[in-house]
Every structure is written in C-alpha cells, then in structure tokens.
Amino acid sequence: DGMEGAGMSTDKLKGNSSEQLRKRAEAAVDNNLRLTKPGSVSLDKSQHLIHELQVHQVELEMQNDELRRAHEELEAARARYFAIDDLAPVGYFPLDENGLILEANLAAANLLGSTKEALFKQPLCDFVLPEDRSICQSHESQLAKADGRQVCELRLVSTQSQPLWVRLEVISAREASGVQVLRAVISDVSERRRLEDQLRQREKLDAIGQLAGGIAHDFNNQLASIMNCTETLQRRIGDGDLAHLATLINIASRRAADLTRQLLDFSRKGKYLSINIDFHSLIAEVVMILEHSIHKRIQIKQELAAVSSTVLG
C-alpha cells in the first residue's frame, strides 16, 4: 500500500477529500490486522494499536481543519485581490502571443469601452483608432520576437466626441515553463495631451507675436520716413493735384502706421496695466484691420448699441 500511495500523482492526492483520505487510512489498518495471525497480538499490543489509530484519527482531523482554514484564507485573499484589481486606477490585462486579451480589470474594461467578460479573446488592436493601429501592431510584433518592454501612446475608439488618448505599456517575459507572456498596462493621458496642445498653441501665438512685433517695428520705421517725405513734399509744392496726391500718400501711411502699432500692441500683450477701454473704439480698430485683410466683396456692418461702452481691460 505504501508503494501504491507513492506512485500516485500530486494532483490526485490534492483532489482527494478528507473523507477519502480517512477511508484509505482505515483500509490500510484493517489490512494490517488481517495479515496478523490470530492470537499473535497481545493485549498490550492491541491497546497500543488502538491508541495509534486514535492518534492518527486526531491528526487527520487537525489536518482537515488546517486545510479548511487555508482554503478559506485563500478564498478571502482571492476576493481581496479582485477587489484591489478592480479599484486600480490603471487598466491591466494579460495578452497571449497573438495579442488576444485573456482577462482584464475594471479600469481596462472602462477604457476599452467594454465589459470584462466581453474582452476575453478579443484582439487589443481592434480597440485602437484605425489611424493608430499600425503603432499597436508594430509593438506587438517587436514583443513577439524578443522579451522586453514597449511603451507607446495611441488613441482608442471612443463614444465621446474626441478619441481617447492612452499610454500603453506592454512587458514581455517568459515563465519558468518557457511560455511567453505579455502583460499590458493602460492609462488615460487625454488631459495631459490636452494641456500639451494648449501649451503648443500658446507657444505658437507667442512666436507669431514676436515675429509680428519685429516686422511691425521695422515697417514702422519705413513708414515714418515716407510720412516725413510726403509732409516735406506738401510744403514745397503748395496746392494742386500733386499736393492732393501727397496728402493721400500721407493718409495711407498713417493708416499703415496705425496697423503696425496694433501689431506691436499684440506682440507686447500682458505688459500693460488695467485701464478703461472704450469698446466702441476698440471694435472700430478691429474693423479697420479686417477691412485691410479680407476680400473687398465682403462688407462689414457695425451695430454699436451699448449705452456705456467703457470697460476695464
């Protein structure tokens, strides 16, 4: 019986219940008693055998209690694991060698716009925006060739008006059995992307302001020279057609100077104190800029009806 027990697999021993284990022990004891010749066992030996059987029974019961406690602790730990896993702020899901999702926590399911159950055996790249799927496929192919870590940012298909930007990190490793496993972590980076876009737009505006300021400053110097010459010309030629043309040149130059002054104001934004501004006058200046920049066929109509048009700005 001892050799037969040693020949059994570990999995089969684990699958036996405590009741089956006890029956086997009793069968082994009964077999030993049958092999003993009648009359060859003394009273002391019989009492000793009974004592051993009782001790063995108590040991088995204690082992059963320990197994039950271990099982309950395992179930409690598993429940805690799943609770922590679902409360994690980032998404986690393992992938097979073909990039199919094997399981997912709640955060991953929410980011991918699905349920945990529905994600099973679904290709990860199917949840990526078509324009970014080449990034996802490239990372998967690189991980399939060798162990390592790949990080990228791409957009997921979303029910919202804008695609969802996420950071995807996939780690490839080999288990002791030699099987390759992929573990993916995904997090929402949409807010960071939005702030970065705002910062880039602000940097562009600052660059445009600096460029406009430089051009306006240099152009203003040229206009000043033109206005000085036209004023000198007006004084020398007196009245007449040439004087009228000189006046028109001077008026156009002053308008151009006003335009360059506004460009300089734009390039120096944020460098003034708060003052009272007449909104009607401000609108008139904007209209003047537009009249020089839009097509002549477009007419601008102003409707200024405010009783008090002065604001602090």
C-alpha atoms as a PDB file:
ATOM      1  CA  ASP A   1       0.000   0.000   0.000  1.00  0.00           C
ATOM      2  CA  GLY A   2       2.831   2.420   0.736  1.00  0.00           C
ATOM      3  CA  MET A   3       4.319   1.873  -2.755  1.00  0.00           C
ATOM      4  CA  GLU A   4       0.924   2.398  -4.367  1.00  0.00           C
ATOM      5  CA  GLY A   5       0.480   5.689  -2.449  1.00  0.00           C
ATOM      6  CA  ALA A   6       3.932   6.882  -3.571  1.00  0.00           C
ATOM      7  CA  GLY A   7       3.076   6.150  -7.171  1.00  0.00           C
ATOM      8  CA  MET A   8       0.052   8.448  -7.184  1.00  0.00           C
ATOM      9  CA  SER A   9       0.394  11.908  -8.698  1.00  0.00           C
ATOM     10  CA  THR A  10       0.372  15.023  -6.534  1.00  0.00           C
ATOM     11  CA  ASP A  11      -2.712  16.352  -8.339  1.00  0.00           C
ATOM     12  CA  LYS A  12      -4.685  13.200  -7.483  1.00  0.00           C
ATOM     13  CA  LEU A  13      -3.696  13.428  -3.817  1.00  0.00           C
ATOM     14  CA  LYS A  14      -4.821  17.067  -3.721  1.00  0.00           C
ATOM     15  CA  GLY A  15      -8.132  16.120  -5.278  1.00  0.00           C
ATOM     16  CA  ASN A  16      -8.994  13.563  -2.605  1.00  0.00           C
ATOM     17  CA  SER A  17     -11.304  14.780   0.118  1.00  0.00           C
ATOM     18  CA  SER A  18     -10.574  14.329   3.816  1.00  0.00           C
ATOM     19  CA  GLU A  19     -13.203  11.565   3.968  1.00  0.00           C
ATOM     20  CA  GLN A  20     -11.489   9.595   1.219  1.00  0.00           C
ATOM     21  CA  LEU A  21      -8.134  10.010   2.964  1.00  0.00           C
ATOM     22  CA  ARG A  22      -9.596   8.633   6.196  1.00  0.00           C
ATOM     23  CA  LYS A  23     -11.148   5.623   4.424  1.00  0.00           C
ATOM     24  CA  ARG A  24      -7.816   4.781   2.871  1.00  0.00           C
ATOM     25  CA  ALA A  25      -6.128   5.001   6.245  1.00  0.00           C
ATOM     26  CA  GLU A  26      -8.766   2.702   7.797  1.00  0.00           C
ATOM     27  CA  ALA A  27      -8.396   0.239   4.931  1.00  0.00           C
ATOM     28  CA  ALA A  28      -4.649   0.171   5.471  1.00  0.00           C
ATOM     29  CA  VAL A  29      -5.112  -0.539   9.198  1.00  0.00           C
ATOM     30  CA  ASP A  30      -7.683  -3.313   8.522  1.00  0.00           C
ATOM     31  CA  ASN A  31      -5.321  -4.864   6.002  1.00  0.00           C
ATOM     32  CA  ASN A  32      -2.514  -4.882   8.556  1.00  0.00           C
ATOM     33  CA  LEU A  33      -4.844  -6.555  11.086  1.00  0.00           C
ATOM     34  CA  ARG A  34      -5.813  -9.269   8.583  1.00  0.00           C
ATOM     35  CA  LEU A  35      -2.176 -10.004   7.873  1.00  0.00           C
ATOM     36  CA  THR A  36      -1.529 -10.533  11.556  1.00  0.00           C
ATOM     37  CA  LYS A  37      -2.010 -14.144  12.678  1.00  0.00           C
ATOM     38  CA  PRO A  38      -4.865 -14.711  15.172  1.00  0.00           C
ATOM     39  CA  GLY A  39      -3.638 -14.976  18.693  1.00  0.00           C
ATOM     40  CA  SER A  40      -0.280 -13.424  17.881  1.00  0.00           C
ATOM     41  CA  VAL A  41      -1.303  -9.948  19.116  1.00  0.00           C
ATOM     42  CA  SER A  42      -1.117  -9.443  22.848  1.00  0.00           C
ATOM     43  CA  LEU A  43      -3.462  -7.222  24.855  1.00  0.00           C
ATOM     44  CA  ASP A  44      -0.743  -4.576  25.249  1.00  0.00           C
ATOM     45  CA  LYS A  45      -0.095  -4.520  21.515  1.00  0.00           C
ATOM     46  CA  SER A  46      -3.798  -4.285  20.796  1.00  0.00           C
ATOM     47  CA  GLN A  47      -4.163  -1.367  23.154  1.00  0.00           C
ATOM     48  CA  HIS A  48      -1.116   0.270  21.597  1.00  0.00           C
ATOM     49  CA  LEU A  49      -2.574  -0.223  18.110  1.00  0.00           C
ATOM     50  CA  ILE A  50      -5.901   1.278  19.193  1.00  0.00           C
ATOM     51  CA  HIS A  51      -4.050   4.233  20.693  1.00  0.00           C
ATOM     52  CA  GLU A  52      -2.099   4.749  17.472  1.00  0.00           C
ATOM     53  CA  LEU A  53      -5.311   4.646  15.443  1.00  0.00           C
ATOM     54  CA  GLN A  54      -6.912   7.242  17.710  1.00  0.00           C
ATOM     55  CA  VAL A  55      -3.866   9.494  17.431  1.00  0.00           C
ATOM     56  CA  HIS A  56      -3.894   9.058  13.674  1.00  0.00           C
ATOM     57  CA  GLN A  57      -7.593   9.966  13.579  1.00  0.00           C
ATOM     58  CA  VAL A  58      -6.996  13.140  15.597  1.00  0.00           C
ATOM     59  CA  GLU A  59      -4.085  14.048  13.326  1.00  0.00           C
ATOM     60  CA  LEU A  60      -6.267  13.637  10.263  1.00  0.00           C
ATOM     61  CA  GLU A  61      -8.983  15.810  11.788  1.00  0.00           C
ATOM     62  CA  MET A  62      -6.438  18.501  12.622  1.00  0.00           C
ATOM     63  CA  GLN A  63      -5.086  18.345   9.073  1.00  0.00           C
ATOM     64  CA  ASN A  64      -8.613  18.695   7.735  1.00  0.00           C
ATOM     65  CA  ASP A  65      -9.187  21.761   9.927  1.00  0.00           C
ATOM     66  CA  GLU A  66      -5.947  23.298   8.686  1.00  0.00           C
ATOM     67  CA  LEU A  67      -6.888  22.586   5.081  1.00  0.00           C
ATOM     68  CA  ARG A  68     -10.287  24.203   5.577  1.00  0.00           C
ATOM     69  CA  ARG A  69      -8.690  27.281   7.151  1.00  0.00           C
ATOM     70  CA  ALA A  70      -6.146  27.508   4.355  1.00  0.00           C
ATOM     71  CA  HIS A  71      -8.921  27.217   1.779  1.00  0.00           C
ATOM     72  CA  GLU A  72     -10.956  29.964   3.468  1.00  0.00           C
ATOM     73  CA  GLU A  73      -7.896  32.227   3.689  1.00  0.00           C
ATOM     74  CA  LEU A  74      -7.147  31.566   0.015  1.00  0.00           C
ATOM     75  CA  GLU A  75     -10.696  32.484  -0.979  1.00  0.00           C
ATOM     76  CA  ALA A  76     -10.549  35.646   1.153  1.00  0.00           C
ATOM     77  CA  ALA A  77      -7.189  36.620  -0.378  1.00  0.00           C
ATOM     78  CA  ARG A  78      -8.583  35.987  -3.854  1.00  0.00           C
ATOM     79  CA  ALA A  79     -11.587  38.193  -3.113  1.00  0.00           C
ATOM     80  CA  ARG A  80      -9.278  40.952  -1.815  1.00  0.00           C
ATOM     81  CA  TYR A  81      -7.123  40.632  -4.927  1.00  0.00           C
ATOM     82  CA  PHE A  82     -10.076  41.037  -7.265  1.00  0.00           C
ATOM     83  CA  ALA A  83     -11.366  43.998  -5.232  1.00  0.00           C
ATOM     84  CA  ILE A  84      -7.967  45.730  -5.343  1.00  0.00           C
ATOM     85  CA  ASP A  85      -7.574  44.801  -9.016  1.00  0.00           C
ATOM     86  CA  ASP A  86     -10.901  46.406  -9.927  1.00  0.00           C
ATOM     87  CA  LEU A  87     -10.194  49.518  -7.832  1.00  0.00           C
ATOM     88  CA  ALA A  88      -6.811  50.098  -9.504  1.00  0.00           C
ATOM     89  CA  PRO A  89      -6.594  53.498 -11.269  1.00  0.00           C
ATOM     90  CA  VAL A  90      -4.930  51.960 -14.333  1.00  0.00           C
ATOM     91  CA  GLY A  91      -6.069  49.195 -16.635  1.00  0.00           C
ATOM     92  CA  TYR A  92      -4.335  45.832 -16.571  1.00  0.00           C
ATOM     93  CA  PHE A  93      -4.750  42.836 -18.855  1.00  0.00           C
ATOM     94  CA  PRO A  94      -2.539  39.908 -19.896  1.00  0.00           C
ATOM     95  CA  LEU A  95      -2.270  39.018 -23.596  1.00  0.00           C
ATOM     96  CA  ASP A  96      -1.422  35.796 -25.373  1.00  0.00           C
ATOM     97  CA  GLU A  97       1.238  35.556 -28.094  1.00  0.00           C
ATOM     98  CA  ASN A  98      -1.329  36.640 -30.711  1.00  0.00           C
ATOM     99  CA  GLY A  99      -2.280  39.837 -28.890  1.00  0.00           C
ATOM    100  CA  LEU A 100      -5.611  38.495 -27.645  1.00  0.00           C
ATOM    101  CA  ILE A 101      -6.862  39.740 -24.268  1.00  0.00           C
ATOM    102  CA  LEU A 102      -7.038  36.909 -21.708  1.00  0.00           C
ATOM    103  CA  GLU A 103      -8.630  38.882 -18.859  1.00  0.00           C
ATOM    104  CA  ALA A 104      -8.983  42.490 -17.729  1.00  0.00           C
ATOM    105  CA  ASN A 105      -9.653  44.545 -14.643  1.00  0.00           C
ATOM    106  CA  LEU A 106     -12.483  47.069 -14.379  1.00  0.00           C
ATOM    107  CA  ALA A 107     -10.327  50.085 -15.319  1.00  0.00           C
ATOM    108  CA  ALA A 108      -9.155  48.374 -18.520  1.00  0.00           C
ATOM    109  CA  ALA A 109     -12.729  47.457 -19.446  1.00  0.00           C
ATOM    110  CA  ASN A 110     -13.864  51.063 -18.922  1.00  0.00           C
ATOM    111  CA  LEU A 111     -11.025  52.478 -21.019  1.00  0.00           C
ATOM    112  CA  LEU A 112     -11.675  49.990 -23.820  1.00  0.00           C
ATOM    113  CA  GLY A 113     -15.406  50.694 -23.652  1.00  0.00           C
ATOM    114  CA  SER A 114     -16.463  47.120 -22.936  1.00  0.00           C
ATOM    115  CA  THR A 115     -17.119  44.658 -20.111  1.00  0.00           C
ATOM    116  CA  LYS A 116     -14.546  42.378 -18.572  1.00  0.00           C
ATOM    117  CA  GLU A 117     -16.342  39.284 -19.833  1.00  0.00           C
ATOM    118  CA  ALA A 118     -16.712  40.615 -23.398  1.00  0.00           C
ATOM    119  CA  LEU A 119     -12.974  41.380 -23.660  1.00  0.00           C
ATOM    120  CA  PHE A 120     -11.945  37.717 -23.427  1.00  0.00           C
ATOM    121  CA  LYS A 121     -10.033  36.604 -26.556  1.00  0.00           C
ATOM    122  CA  GLN A 122     -10.570  39.971 -28.258  1.00  0.00           C
ATOM    123  CA  PRO A 123      -7.637  41.492 -30.238  1.00  0.00           C
ATOM    124  CA  LEU A 124      -6.276  44.541 -28.463  1.00  0.00           C
ATOM    125  CA  CYS A 125      -5.648  46.424 -31.716  1.00  0.00           C
ATOM    126  CA  ASP A 126      -9.374  46.250 -32.578  1.00  0.00           C
ATOM    127  CA  PHE A 127      -9.999  48.854 -29.849  1.00  0.00           C
ATOM    128  CA  VAL A 128      -7.408  51.255 -31.301  1.00  0.00           C
ATOM    129  CA  LEU A 129      -8.315  54.079 -33.677  1.00  0.00           C
ATOM    130  CA  PRO A 130      -7.658  52.893 -37.279  1.00  0.00           C
ATOM    131  CA  GLU A 131      -5.068  55.654 -37.809  1.00  0.00           C
ATOM    132  CA  ASP A 132      -3.022  54.353 -34.829  1.00  0.00           C
ATOM    133  CA  ARG A 133      -3.375  50.585 -35.333  1.00  0.00           C
ATOM    134  CA  SER A 134      -0.020  50.374 -37.087  1.00  0.00           C
ATOM    135  CA  ILE A 135       1.610  51.573 -33.831  1.00  0.00           C
ATOM    136  CA  CYS A 136      -0.168  48.843 -31.854  1.00  0.00           C
ATOM    137  CA  GLN A 137       0.708  46.113 -34.388  1.00  0.00           C
ATOM    138  CA  SER A 138       4.338  47.229 -34.569  1.00  0.00           C
ATOM    139  CA  HIS A 139       4.741  46.993 -30.786  1.00  0.00           C
ATOM    140  CA  GLU A 140       3.133  43.550 -30.689  1.00  0.00           C
ATOM    141  CA  SER A 141       5.401  42.231 -33.431  1.00  0.00           C
ATOM    142  CA  GLN A 142       8.513  43.563 -31.679  1.00  0.00           C
ATOM    143  CA  LEU A 143       7.473  41.933 -28.404  1.00  0.00           C
ATOM    144  CA  ALA A 144       6.755  38.638 -30.157  1.00  0.00           C
ATOM    145  CA  LYS A 145      10.350  38.491 -31.423  1.00  0.00           C
ATOM    146  CA  ALA A 146      12.075  39.104 -28.094  1.00  0.00           C
ATOM    147  CA  ASP A 147      11.448  39.673 -24.417  1.00  0.00           C
ATOM    148  CA  GLY A 148      11.373  43.268 -23.279  1.00  0.00           C
ATOM    149  CA  ARG A 149       9.231  46.329 -22.707  1.00  0.00           C
ATOM    150  CA  GLN A 150       7.404  48.551 -25.182  1.00  0.00           C
ATOM    151  CA  VAL A 151       5.737  51.881 -24.376  1.00  0.00           C
ATOM    152  CA  CYS A 152       3.653  53.994 -26.726  1.00  0.00           C
ATOM    153  CA  GLU A 153       0.805  56.489 -26.757  1.00  0.00           C
ATOM    154  CA  LEU A 154      -2.137  55.986 -29.091  1.00  0.00           C
ATOM    155  CA  ARG A 155      -5.827  56.747 -29.454  1.00  0.00           C
ATOM    156  CA  LEU A 156      -8.659  54.389 -28.604  1.00  0.00           C
ATOM    157  CA  VAL A 157     -12.010  54.291 -30.331  1.00  0.00           C
ATOM    158  CA  SER A 158     -14.363  56.226 -28.047  1.00  0.00           C
ATOM    159  CA  THR A 159     -18.071  57.003 -27.887  1.00  0.00           C
ATOM    160  CA  GLN A 160     -17.137  60.579 -26.964  1.00  0.00           C
ATOM    161  CA  SER A 161     -16.651  63.366 -29.490  1.00  0.00           C
ATOM    162  CA  GLN A 162     -12.882  63.002 -29.302  1.00  0.00           C
ATOM    163  CA  PRO A 163     -10.759  59.804 -29.365  1.00  0.00           C
ATOM    164  CA  LEU A 164      -9.270  58.772 -26.023  1.00  0.00           C
ATOM    165  CA  TRP A 165      -5.505  59.183 -25.712  1.00  0.00           C
ATOM    166  CA  VAL A 166      -3.903  56.413 -23.628  1.00  0.00           C
ATOM    167  CA  ARG A 167      -0.429  55.306 -22.622  1.00  0.00           C
ATOM    168  CA  LEU A 168       0.101  51.618 -23.362  1.00  0.00           C
ATOM    169  CA  GLU A 169       2.942  49.715 -21.704  1.00  0.00           C
ATOM    170  CA  VAL A 170       3.459  46.062 -22.574  1.00  0.00           C
ATOM    171  CA  ILE A 171       6.052  43.838 -20.890  1.00  0.00           C
ATOM    172  CA  SER A 172       7.071  40.530 -22.464  1.00  0.00           C
ATOM    173  CA  ALA A 173       8.642  37.794 -20.356  1.00  0.00           C
ATOM    174  CA  ARG A 174       8.994  34.043 -20.269  1.00  0.00           C
ATOM    175  CA  GLU A 175       7.716  31.884 -17.455  1.00  0.00           C
ATOM    176  CA  ALA A 176       9.644  29.002 -15.965  1.00  0.00           C
ATOM    177  CA  SER A 177       7.897  26.675 -18.409  1.00  0.00           C
ATOM    178  CA  GLY A 178       9.269  28.690 -21.337  1.00  0.00           C
ATOM    179  CA  VAL A 179       5.872  30.091 -22.373  1.00  0.00           C
ATOM    180  CA  GLN A 180       5.963  33.741 -23.427  1.00  0.00           C
ATOM    181  CA  VAL A 181       3.517  36.013 -21.609  1.00  0.00           C
ATOM    182  CA  LEU A 182       2.543  39.627 -22.326  1.00  0.00           C
ATOM    183  CA  ARG A 183       1.330  41.897 -19.544  1.00  0.00           C
ATOM    184  CA  ALA A 184      -0.223  45.207 -20.579  1.00  0.00           C
ATOM    185  CA  VAL A 185      -0.921  48.327 -18.504  1.00  0.00           C
ATOM    186  CA  ILE A 186      -3.045  51.137 -19.936  1.00  0.00           C
ATOM    187  CA  SER A 187      -3.735  54.615 -18.521  1.00  0.00           C
ATOM    188  CA  ASP A 188      -5.691  57.675 -19.641  1.00  0.00           C
ATOM    189  CA  VAL A 189      -3.446  60.579 -20.745  1.00  0.00           C
ATOM    190  CA  SER A 190      -6.128  62.663 -22.501  1.00  0.00           C
ATOM    191  CA  GLU A 191      -5.929  65.547 -20.011  1.00  0.00           C
ATOM    192  CA  ARG A 192      -2.142  65.716 -20.269  1.00  0.00           C
ATOM    193  CA  ARG A 193      -2.375  65.674 -24.057  1.00  0.00           C
ATOM    194  CA  ARG A 194      -4.956  68.466 -23.982  1.00  0.00           C
ATOM    195  CA  LEU A 195      -2.726  70.638 -21.781  1.00  0.00           C
ATOM    196  CA  GLU A 196       0.265  69.944 -24.031  1.00  0.00           C
ATOM    197  CA  ASP A 197      -1.756  71.018 -27.081  1.00  0.00           C
ATOM    198  CA  GLN A 198      -2.781  74.227 -25.311  1.00  0.00           C
ATOM    199  CA  LEU A 199       0.852  74.898 -24.420  1.00  0.00           C
ATOM    200  CA  ARG A 200       1.938  74.348 -28.037  1.00  0.00           C
ATOM    201  CA  GLN A 201      -0.762  76.714 -29.283  1.00  0.00           C
ATOM    202  CA  ARG A 202       0.334  79.336 -26.768  1.00  0.00           C
ATOM    203  CA  GLU A 203       3.957  78.941 -27.831  1.00  0.00           C
ATOM    204  CA  LYS A 204       2.891  79.383 -31.462  1.00  0.00           C
ATOM    205  CA  LEU A 205       0.988  82.549 -30.600  1.00  0.00           C
ATOM    206  CA  ASP A 206       3.990  83.869 -28.681  1.00  0.00           C
ATOM    207  CA  ALA A 207       6.217  83.140 -31.677  1.00  0.00           C
ATOM    208  CA  ILE A 208       3.746  84.865 -34.017  1.00  0.00           C
ATOM    209  CA  GLY A 209       3.612  87.836 -31.645  1.00  0.00           C
ATOM    210  CA  GLN A 210       7.388  88.148 -31.602  1.00  0.00           C
ATOM    211  CA  LEU A 211       7.553  87.871 -35.381  1.00  0.00           C
ATOM    212  CA  ALA A 212       4.756  90.407 -35.843  1.00  0.00           C
ATOM    213  CA  GLY A 213       6.444  92.755 -33.394  1.00  0.00           C
ATOM    214  CA  GLY A 214       9.759  92.570 -35.223  1.00  0.00           C
ATOM    215  CA  ILE A 215       8.183  93.131 -38.624  1.00  0.00           C
ATOM    216  CA  ALA A 216       5.929  95.929 -37.359  1.00  0.00           C
ATOM    217  CA  HIS A 217       8.823  97.733 -35.695  1.00  0.00           C
ATOM    218  CA  ASP A 218      10.942  97.681 -38.841  1.00  0.00           C
ATOM    219  CA  PHE A 219       7.970  98.544 -41.074  1.00  0.00           C
ATOM    220  CA  ASN A 220       7.035 101.429 -38.789  1.00  0.00           C
ATOM    221  CA  ASN A 221      10.458 102.955 -39.302  1.00  0.00           C
ATOM    222  CA  GLN A 222       9.963 102.796 -43.086  1.00  0.00           C
ATOM    223  CA  LEU A 223       6.520 104.409 -42.782  1.00  0.00           C
ATOM    224  CA  ALA A 224       7.908 107.202 -40.649  1.00  0.00           C
ATOM    225  CA  SER A 225      10.376 108.007 -43.417  1.00  0.00           C
ATOM    226  CA  ILE A 226       7.567 108.000 -46.030  1.00  0.00           C
ATOM    227  CA  MET A 227       5.382 110.331 -43.943  1.00  0.00           C
ATOM    228  CA  ASN A 228       8.253 112.754 -43.376  1.00  0.00           C
ATOM    229  CA  CYS A 229       8.964 112.888 -47.106  1.00  0.00           C
ATOM    230  CA  THR A 230       5.290 113.418 -48.039  1.00  0.00           C
ATOM    231  CA  GLU A 231       4.933 116.212 -45.468  1.00  0.00           C
ATOM    232  CA  THR A 232       8.062 117.905 -46.874  1.00  0.00           C
ATOM    233  CA  LEU A 233       6.709 117.445 -50.396  1.00  0.00           C
ATOM    234  CA  GLN A 234       3.349 119.002 -49.420  1.00  0.00           C
ATOM    235  CA  ARG A 235       5.064 122.109 -48.065  1.00  0.00           C
ATOM    236  CA  ARG A 236       7.161 122.583 -51.201  1.00  0.00           C
ATOM    237  CA  ILE A 237       4.571 122.048 -53.945  1.00  0.00           C
ATOM    238  CA  GLY A 238       1.726 124.005 -52.345  1.00  0.00           C
ATOM    239  CA  ASP A 239      -1.785 123.421 -53.711  1.00  0.00           C
ATOM    240  CA  GLY A 240      -2.727 121.424 -56.787  1.00  0.00           C
ATOM    241  CA  ASP A 241      -3.108 117.885 -57.995  1.00  0.00           C
ATOM    242  CA  LEU A 242       0.353 116.852 -56.811  1.00  0.00           C
ATOM    243  CA  ALA A 243      -0.382 118.220 -53.357  1.00  0.00           C
ATOM    244  CA  HIS A 244      -3.620 116.186 -53.257  1.00  0.00           C
ATOM    245  CA  LEU A 245      -1.692 113.016 -54.182  1.00  0.00           C
ATOM    246  CA  ALA A 246       0.873 113.756 -51.474  1.00  0.00           C
ATOM    247  CA  THR A 247      -1.970 114.133 -48.974  1.00  0.00           C
ATOM    248  CA  LEU A 248      -3.409 110.734 -49.979  1.00  0.00           C
ATOM    249  CA  ILE A 249       0.029 109.158 -49.581  1.00  0.00           C
ATOM    250  CA  ASN A 250       0.343 110.677 -46.135  1.00  0.00           C
ATOM    251  CA  ILE A 251      -3.127 109.464 -45.075  1.00  0.00           C
ATOM    252  CA  ALA A 252      -2.384 105.910 -46.323  1.00  0.00           C
ATOM    253  CA  SER A 253       0.942 105.962 -44.499  1.00  0.00           C
ATOM    254  CA  ARG A 254      -0.704 106.974 -41.247  1.00  0.00           C
ATOM    255  CA  ARG A 255      -3.272 104.186 -41.602  1.00  0.00           C
ATOM    256  CA  ALA A 256      -0.450 101.730 -42.199  1.00  0.00           C
ATOM    257  CA  ALA A 257       1.313 103.127 -39.119  1.00  0.00           C
ATOM    258  CA  ASP A 258      -1.846 102.541 -37.071  1.00  0.00           C
ATOM    259  CA  LEU A 259      -1.877  98.953 -38.309  1.00  0.00           C
ATOM    260  CA  THR A 260       1.746  98.402 -37.311  1.00  0.00           C
ATOM    261  CA  ARG A 261       1.016  99.978 -33.916  1.00  0.00           C
ATOM    262  CA  GLN A 262      -1.730  97.401 -33.367  1.00  0.00           C
ATOM    263  CA  LEU A 263       0.668  94.623 -34.336  1.00  0.00           C
ATOM    264  CA  LEU A 264       3.127  95.965 -31.789  1.00  0.00           C
ATOM    265  CA  ASP A 265       0.371  96.028 -29.167  1.00  0.00           C
ATOM    266  CA  PHE A 266      -0.387  92.377 -29.966  1.00  0.00           C
ATOM    267  CA  SER A 267       3.270  91.394 -29.643  1.00  0.00           C
ATOM    268  CA  ARG A 268       3.504  93.119 -26.235  1.00  0.00           C
ATOM    269  CA  LYS A 269       0.390  91.527 -24.731  1.00  0.00           C
ATOM    270  CA  GLY A 270       0.359  91.216 -20.958  1.00  0.00           C
ATOM    271  CA  LYS A 271       2.745  94.143 -20.432  1.00  0.00           C
ATOM    272  CA  TYR A 272       0.162  96.857 -19.746  1.00  0.00           C
ATOM    273  CA  LEU A 273      -1.735  97.986 -16.696  1.00  0.00           C
ATOM    274  CA  SER A 274      -5.519  97.676 -16.451  1.00  0.00           C
ATOM    275  CA  ILE A 275      -7.115 100.789 -17.922  1.00  0.00           C
ATOM    276  CA  ASN A 276     -10.531 101.995 -19.065  1.00  0.00           C
ATOM    277  CA  ILE A 277     -11.173 100.956 -22.677  1.00  0.00           C
ATOM    278  CA  ASP A 278     -13.858 102.302 -24.978  1.00  0.00           C
ATOM    279  CA  PHE A 279     -15.263  99.152 -26.560  1.00  0.00           C
ATOM    280  CA  HIS A 280     -16.764 101.050 -29.494  1.00  0.00           C
ATOM    281  CA  SER A 281     -13.358 102.459 -30.369  1.00  0.00           C
ATOM    282  CA  LEU A 282     -11.765  99.051 -29.972  1.00  0.00           C
ATOM    283  CA  ILE A 283     -14.317  97.497 -32.335  1.00  0.00           C
ATOM    284  CA  ALA A 284     -13.667 100.250 -34.841  1.00  0.00           C
ATOM    285  CA  GLU A 285      -9.949  99.436 -34.763  1.00  0.00           C
ATOM    286  CA  VAL A 286     -10.681  95.741 -35.330  1.00  0.00           C
ATOM    287  CA  VAL A 287     -12.947  96.605 -38.259  1.00  0.00           C
ATOM    288  CA  MET A 288     -10.195  98.716 -39.771  1.00  0.00           C
ATOM    289  CA  ILE A 289      -7.771  95.771 -39.561  1.00  0.00           C
ATOM    290  CA  LEU A 290     -10.331  93.447 -41.130  1.00  0.00           C
ATOM    291  CA  GLU A 291     -11.019  95.851 -43.995  1.00  0.00           C
ATOM    292  CA  HIS A 292      -7.361  95.583 -44.977  1.00  0.00           C
ATOM    293  CA  SER A 293      -7.185  91.796 -44.680  1.00  0.00           C
ATOM    294  CA  ILE A 294     -10.464  90.376 -46.051  1.00  0.00           C
ATOM    295  CA  HIS A 295     -11.813  90.340 -49.595  1.00  0.00           C
ATOM    296  CA  LYS A 296     -13.274  93.604 -50.883  1.00  0.00           C
ATOM    297  CA  ARG A 297     -16.579  91.909 -51.739  1.00  0.00           C
ATOM    298  CA  ILE A 298     -17.193  91.246 -48.036  1.00  0.00           C
ATOM    299  CA  GLN A 299     -18.936  94.144 -46.316  1.00  0.00           C
ATOM    300  CA  ILE A 300     -18.729  94.707 -42.560  1.00  0.00           C
ATOM    301  CA  LYS A 301     -21.748  96.088 -40.762  1.00  0.00           C
ATOM    302  CA  GLN A 302     -21.338  97.545 -37.261  1.00  0.00           C
ATOM    303  CA  GLU A 303     -24.188  97.704 -34.760  1.00  0.00           C
ATOM    304  CA  LEU A 304     -22.928  99.525 -31.674  1.00  0.00           C
ATOM    305  CA  ALA A 305     -25.880  99.961 -29.314  1.00  0.00           C
ATOM    306  CA  ALA A 306     -24.290  99.909 -25.838  1.00  0.00           C
ATOM    307  CA  VAL A 307     -25.205 102.901 -23.685  1.00  0.00           C
ATOM    308  CA  SER A 308     -21.919 102.706 -21.815  1.00  0.00           C
ATOM    309  CA  SER A 309     -19.137 101.112 -23.858  1.00  0.00           C
ATOM    310  CA  THR A 310     -16.273 101.618 -21.421  1.00  0.00           C
ATOM    311  CA  VAL A 311     -14.794  98.570 -19.660  1.00  0.00           C
ATOM    312  CA  LEU A 312     -11.720  97.867 -17.548  1.00  0.00           C
ATOM    313  CA  GLY A 313      -9.163  95.958 -19.612  1.00  0.00           C
END
